[in-house]
PDB file of N, CA and C in Angstrom:
ATOM      1  N   UNK A   1       0.956 -12.020   7.400  1.00  0.00           N
ATOM      2  CA  UNK A   1      -0.176 -11.580   8.183  1.00  0.00           C
ATOM      3  C   UNK A   1       0.212 -10.398   9.083  1.00  0.00           C
ATOM      4  N   UNK A   2       1.412 -10.452   9.614  1.00  0.00           N
ATOM      5  CA  UNK A   2       1.858  -9.371  10.495  1.00  0.00           C
ATOM      6  C   UNK A   2       1.985  -8.069   9.713  1.00  0.00           C
ATOM      7  N   UNK A   3       2.476  -8.171   8.475  1.00  0.00           N
ATOM      8  CA  UNK A   3       2.592  -6.965   7.645  1.00  0.00           C
ATOM      9  C   UNK A   3       1.231  -6.344   7.356  1.00  0.00           C
ATOM     10  N   UNK A   4       0.258  -7.191   7.041  1.00  0.00           N
ATOM     11  CA  UNK A   4      -1.091  -6.673   6.779  1.00  0.00           C
ATOM     12  C   UNK A   4      -1.689  -6.030   8.022  1.00  0.00           C
ATOM     13  N   UNK A   5      -1.445  -6.601   9.177  1.00  0.00           N
ATOM     14  CA  UNK A   5      -1.939  -6.015  10.428  1.00  0.00           C
ATOM     15  C   UNK A   5      -1.280  -4.655  10.669  1.00  0.00           C
ATOM     16  N   UNK A   6       0.000  -4.547  10.377  1.00  0.00           N
ATOM     17  CA  UNK A   6       0.696  -3.269  10.517  1.00  0.00           C
ATOM     18  C   UNK A   6       0.172  -2.220   9.555  1.00  0.00           C
ATOM     19  N   UNK A   7      -0.088  -2.661   8.317  1.00  0.00           N
ATOM     20  CA  UNK A   7      -0.650  -1.734   7.331  1.00  0.00           C
ATOM     21  C   UNK A   7      -2.032  -1.258   7.774  1.00  0.00           C
ATOM     22  N   UNK A   8      -2.832  -2.180   8.260  1.00  0.00           N
ATOM     23  CA  UNK A   8      -4.175  -1.822   8.727  1.00  0.00           C
ATOM     24  C   UNK A   8      -4.097  -0.856   9.901  1.00  0.00           C
ATOM     25  N   UNK A   9      -3.173  -1.090  10.813  1.00  0.00           N
ATOM     26  CA  UNK A   9      -3.029  -0.201  11.969  1.00  0.00           C
ATOM     27  C   UNK A   9      -2.639   1.212  11.522  1.00  0.00           C
ATOM     28  N   UNK A  10      -1.739   1.303  10.554  1.00  0.00           N
ATOM     29  CA  UNK A  10      -1.348   2.616  10.038  1.00  0.00           C
ATOM     30  C   UNK A  10      -2.527   3.337   9.386  1.00  0.00           C
ATOM     31  N   UNK A  11      -3.273   2.608   8.562  1.00  0.00           N
ATOM     32  CA  UNK A  11      -4.397   3.220   7.869  1.00  0.00           C
ATOM     33  C   UNK A  11      -5.509   3.619   8.832  1.00  0.00           C
ATOM     34  N   UNK A  12      -5.765   2.787   9.843  1.00  0.00           N
ATOM     35  CA  UNK A  12      -6.771   3.139  10.843  1.00  0.00           C
ATOM     36  C   UNK A  12      -6.341   4.356  11.646  1.00  0.00           C
ATOM     37  N   UNK A  13      -5.061   4.437  11.953  1.00  0.00           N
ATOM     38  CA  UNK A  13      -4.549   5.588  12.684  1.00  0.00           C
ATOM     39  C   UNK A  13      -4.683   6.849  11.846  1.00  0.00           C
ATOM     40  N   UNK A  14      -4.348   6.752  10.586  1.00  0.00           N
ATOM     41  CA  UNK A  14      -4.442   7.910   9.693  1.00  0.00           C
ATOM     42  C   UNK A  14      -5.890   8.337   9.498  1.00  0.00           C
ATOM     43  N   UNK A  15      -6.789   7.368   9.497  1.00  0.00           N
ATOM     44  CA  UNK A  15      -8.198   7.675   9.311  1.00  0.00           C
ATOM     45  C   UNK A  15      -8.880   8.199  10.558  1.00  0.00           C
ATOM     46  N   UNK A  16      -8.172   8.206  11.682  1.00  0.00           N
ATOM     47  CA  UNK A  16      -8.729   8.743  12.908  1.00  0.00           C
ATOM     48  C   UNK A  16      -9.499   7.740  13.739  1.00  0.00           C
ATOM     49  N   UNK A  17      -9.493   6.466  13.330  1.00  0.00           N
ATOM     50  CA  UNK A  17     -10.209   5.440  14.083  1.00  0.00           C
ATOM     51  C   UNK A  17      -9.455   5.102  15.364  1.00  0.00           C
ATOM     52  N   UNK A  18      -8.136   5.059  15.263  1.00  0.00           N
ATOM     53  CA  UNK A  18      -7.299   4.817  16.439  1.00  0.00           C
ATOM     54  C   UNK A  18      -6.404   6.035  16.644  1.00  0.00           C
ATOM     55  N   UNK A  19      -5.983   6.283  17.868  1.00  0.00           N
ATOM     56  CA  UNK A  19      -5.134   7.451  18.116  1.00  0.00           C
ATOM     57  C   UNK A  19      -3.713   7.249  17.583  1.00  0.00           C
ATOM     58  N   UNK A  20      -3.031   8.356  17.340  1.00  0.00           N
ATOM     59  CA  UNK A  20      -1.619   8.275  16.965  1.00  0.00           C
ATOM     60  C   UNK A  20      -1.293   8.812  15.597  1.00  0.00           C
ATOM     61  N   UNK A  21      -2.087   9.704  15.067  1.00  0.00           N
ATOM     62  CA  UNK A  21      -1.789  10.275  13.755  1.00  0.00           C
ATOM     63  C   UNK A  21      -0.626  11.259  13.889  1.00  0.00           C
ATOM     64  N   UNK A  22       0.542  10.837  13.432  1.00  0.00           N
ATOM     65  CA  UNK A  22       1.741  11.664  13.540  1.00  0.00           C
ATOM     66  C   UNK A  22       2.362  11.834  12.156  1.00  0.00           C
ATOM     67  N   UNK A  23       3.464  12.524  12.118  1.00  0.00           N
ATOM     68  CA  UNK A  23       4.186  12.703  10.855  1.00  0.00           C
ATOM     69  C   UNK A  23       4.655  11.360  10.319  1.00  0.00           C
ATOM     70  N   UNK A  24       5.080  10.469  11.215  1.00  0.00           N
ATOM     71  CA  UNK A  24       5.503   9.133  10.785  1.00  0.00           C
ATOM     72  C   UNK A  24       4.352   8.386  10.117  1.00  0.00           C
ATOM     73  N   UNK A  25       3.180   8.440  10.704  1.00  0.00           N
ATOM     74  CA  UNK A  25       2.015   7.742  10.150  1.00  0.00           C
ATOM     75  C   UNK A  25       1.661   8.320   8.795  1.00  0.00           C
ATOM     76  N   UNK A  26       1.679   9.628   8.670  1.00  0.00           N
ATOM     77  CA  UNK A  26       1.361  10.271   7.398  1.00  0.00           C
ATOM     78  C   UNK A  26       2.348   9.846   6.313  1.00  0.00           C
ATOM     79  N   UNK A  27       3.614   9.834   6.640  1.00  0.00           N
ATOM     80  CA  UNK A  27       4.645   9.429   5.672  1.00  0.00           C
ATOM     81  C   UNK A  27       4.504   7.954   5.321  1.00  0.00           C
ATOM     82  N   UNK A  28       4.262   7.117   6.320  1.00  0.00           N
ATOM     83  CA  UNK A  28       4.128   5.683   6.083  1.00  0.00           C
ATOM     84  C   UNK A  28       2.930   5.370   5.193  1.00  0.00           C
ATOM     85  N   UNK A  29       1.835   6.105   5.362  1.00  0.00           N
ATOM     86  CA  UNK A  29       0.655   5.881   4.526  1.00  0.00           C
ATOM     87  C   UNK A  29       0.952   6.260   3.081  1.00  0.00           C
ATOM     88  N   UNK A  30       1.687   7.327   2.863  1.00  0.00           N
ATOM     89  CA  UNK A  30       2.065   7.696   1.494  1.00  0.00           C
ATOM     90  C   UNK A  30       3.005   6.653   0.885  1.00  0.00           C
ATOM     91  N   UNK A  31       3.894   6.092   1.690  1.00  0.00           N
ATOM     92  CA  UNK A  31       4.783   5.026   1.200  1.00  0.00           C
ATOM     93  C   UNK A  31       3.960   3.804   0.815  1.00  0.00           C
ATOM     94  N   UNK A  32       2.978   3.437   1.626  1.00  0.00           N
ATOM     95  CA  UNK A  32       2.090   2.320   1.286  1.00  0.00           C
ATOM     96  C   UNK A  32       1.340   2.600  -0.013  1.00  0.00           C
ATOM     97  N   UNK A  33       0.841   3.819  -0.155  1.00  0.00           N
ATOM     98  CA  UNK A  33       0.137   4.205  -1.373  1.00  0.00           C
ATOM     99  C   UNK A  33       1.036   4.019  -2.592  1.00  0.00           C
ATOM    100  N   UNK A  34       2.258   4.518  -2.511  1.00  0.00           N
ATOM    101  CA  UNK A  34       3.201   4.398  -3.632  1.00  0.00           C
ATOM    102  C   UNK A  34       3.518   2.936  -3.928  1.00  0.00           C
ATOM    103  N   UNK A  35       3.690   2.134  -2.883  1.00  0.00           N
ATOM    104  CA  UNK A  35       3.977   0.706  -3.045  1.00  0.00           C
ATOM    105  C   UNK A  35       2.849   0.007  -3.812  1.00  0.00           C
ATOM    106  N   UNK A  36       1.612   0.280  -3.430  1.00  0.00           N
ATOM    107  CA  UNK A  36       0.488  -0.359  -4.099  1.00  0.00           C
ATOM    108  C   UNK A  36       0.291   0.163  -5.519  1.00  0.00           C
ATOM    109  N   UNK A  37       0.543   1.436  -5.755  1.00  0.00           N
ATOM    110  CA  UNK A  37       0.437   1.981  -7.115  1.00  0.00           C
ATOM    111  C   UNK A  37       1.485   1.333  -8.018  1.00  0.00           C
ATOM    112  N   UNK A  38       2.689   1.175  -7.521  1.00  0.00           N
ATOM    113  CA  UNK A  38       3.741   0.514  -8.316  1.00  0.00           C
ATOM    114  C   UNK A  38       3.337  -0.920  -8.627  1.00  0.00           C
ATOM    115  N   UNK A  39       2.754  -1.614  -7.650  1.00  0.00           N
ATOM    116  CA  UNK A  39       2.284  -2.985  -7.877  1.00  0.00           C
ATOM    117  C   UNK A  39       1.199  -3.052  -8.932  1.00  0.00           C
ATOM    118  N   UNK A  40       0.279  -2.096  -8.902  1.00  0.00           N
ATOM    119  CA  UNK A  40      -0.798  -2.058  -9.897  1.00  0.00           C
ATOM    120  C   UNK A  40      -0.224  -1.820 -11.288  1.00  0.00           C
ATOM    121  N   UNK A  41       0.709  -0.895 -11.405  1.00  0.00           N
ATOM    122  CA  UNK A  41       1.324  -0.610 -12.700  1.00  0.00           C
ATOM    123  C   UNK A  41       2.091  -1.825 -13.222  1.00  0.00           C
ATOM    124  N   UNK A  42       2.816  -2.493 -12.354  1.00  0.00           N
ATOM    125  CA  UNK A  42       3.565  -3.681 -12.780  1.00  0.00           C
ATOM    126  C   UNK A  42       2.625  -4.790 -13.236  1.00  0.00           C
ATOM    127  N   UNK A  43       1.545  -5.022 -12.502  1.00  0.00           N
ATOM    128  CA  UNK A  43       0.591  -6.055 -12.902  1.00  0.00           C
ATOM    129  C   UNK A  43      -0.086  -5.699 -14.217  1.00  0.00           C
ATOM    130  N   UNK A  44      -0.422  -4.456 -14.402  1.00  0.00           N
ATOM    131  CA  UNK A  44      -1.063  -4.032 -15.645  1.00  0.00           C
ATOM    132  C   UNK A  44      -0.117  -4.183 -16.829  1.00  0.00           C
ATOM    133  N   UNK A  45       1.143  -3.870 -16.633  1.00  0.00           N
ATOM    134  CA  UNK A  45       2.094  -3.968 -17.740  1.00  0.00           C
ATOM    135  C   UNK A  45       2.372  -5.424 -18.087  1.00  0.00           C
ATOM    136  N   UNK A  46       2.394  -6.293 -17.117  1.00  0.00           N
ATOM    137  CA  UNK A  46       2.622  -7.709 -17.404  1.00  0.00           C
ATOM    138  C   UNK A  46       1.397  -8.341 -18.064  1.00  0.00           C
ATOM    139  N   UNK A  47       0.226  -7.912 -17.687  1.00  0.00           N
ATOM    140  CA  UNK A  47      -0.996  -8.462 -18.281  1.00  0.00           C
ATOM    141  C   UNK A  47      -1.118  -8.039 -19.746  1.00  0.00           C
ATOM    142  N   UNK A  48      -0.565  -6.897 -20.104  1.00  0.00           N
ATOM    143  CA  UNK A  48      -0.660  -6.400 -21.467  1.00  0.00           C
ATOM    144  C   UNK A  48       0.433  -6.963 -22.374  1.00  0.00           C
ATOM    145  N   UNK A  49       1.403  -7.656 -21.809  1.00  0.00           N
ATOM    146  CA  UNK A  49       2.530  -8.183 -22.575  1.00  0.00           C
ATOM    147  C   UNK A  49       2.158  -9.550 -23.167  1.00  0.00           C
ATOM    148  N   UNK A  50       1.994  -9.644 -24.489  1.00  0.00           N
ATOM    149  CA  UNK A  50       1.596 -10.918 -25.092  1.00  0.00           C
ATOM    150  C   UNK A  50       2.684 -11.983 -25.049  1.00  0.00           C
ATOM    151  N   UNK A  51       3.924 -11.605 -24.794  1.00  0.00           N
ATOM    152  CA  UNK A  51       5.000 -12.593 -24.768  1.00  0.00           C
ATOM    153  C   UNK A  51       5.032 -13.383 -23.466  1.00  0.00           C
ATOM    154  N   UNK A  52       4.291 -12.939 -22.480  1.00  0.00           N
ATOM    155  CA  UNK A  52       4.239 -13.645 -21.199  1.00  0.00           C
ATOM    156  C   UNK A  52       3.198 -14.737 -21.309  1.00  0.00           C
ATOM    157  N   UNK A  53       3.629 -15.983 -21.186  1.00  0.00           N
ATOM    158  CA  UNK A  53       2.686 -17.106 -21.269  1.00  0.00           C
ATOM    159  C   UNK A  53       2.140 -17.423 -19.887  1.00  0.00           C
ATOM    160  N   UNK A  54       0.882 -17.764 -19.878  1.00  0.00           N
ATOM    161  CA  UNK A  54       0.233 -18.110 -18.598  1.00  0.00           C
ATOM    162  C   UNK A  54      -0.288 -19.498 -18.632  1.00  0.00           C
TER     163      UNK A  54
END
């Protein structure tokens, strides 16, 4: 829960809802973006693999 709150705070700051848009916030938002894209790709590749039993 704390991680999600931190992610939300970063995204709100980047979006201009809360103050504090700095270079750190910009970099952190791109890192979050990359993290979620990697997660999406991994989930998609596992869902397409017929050898994985569910």
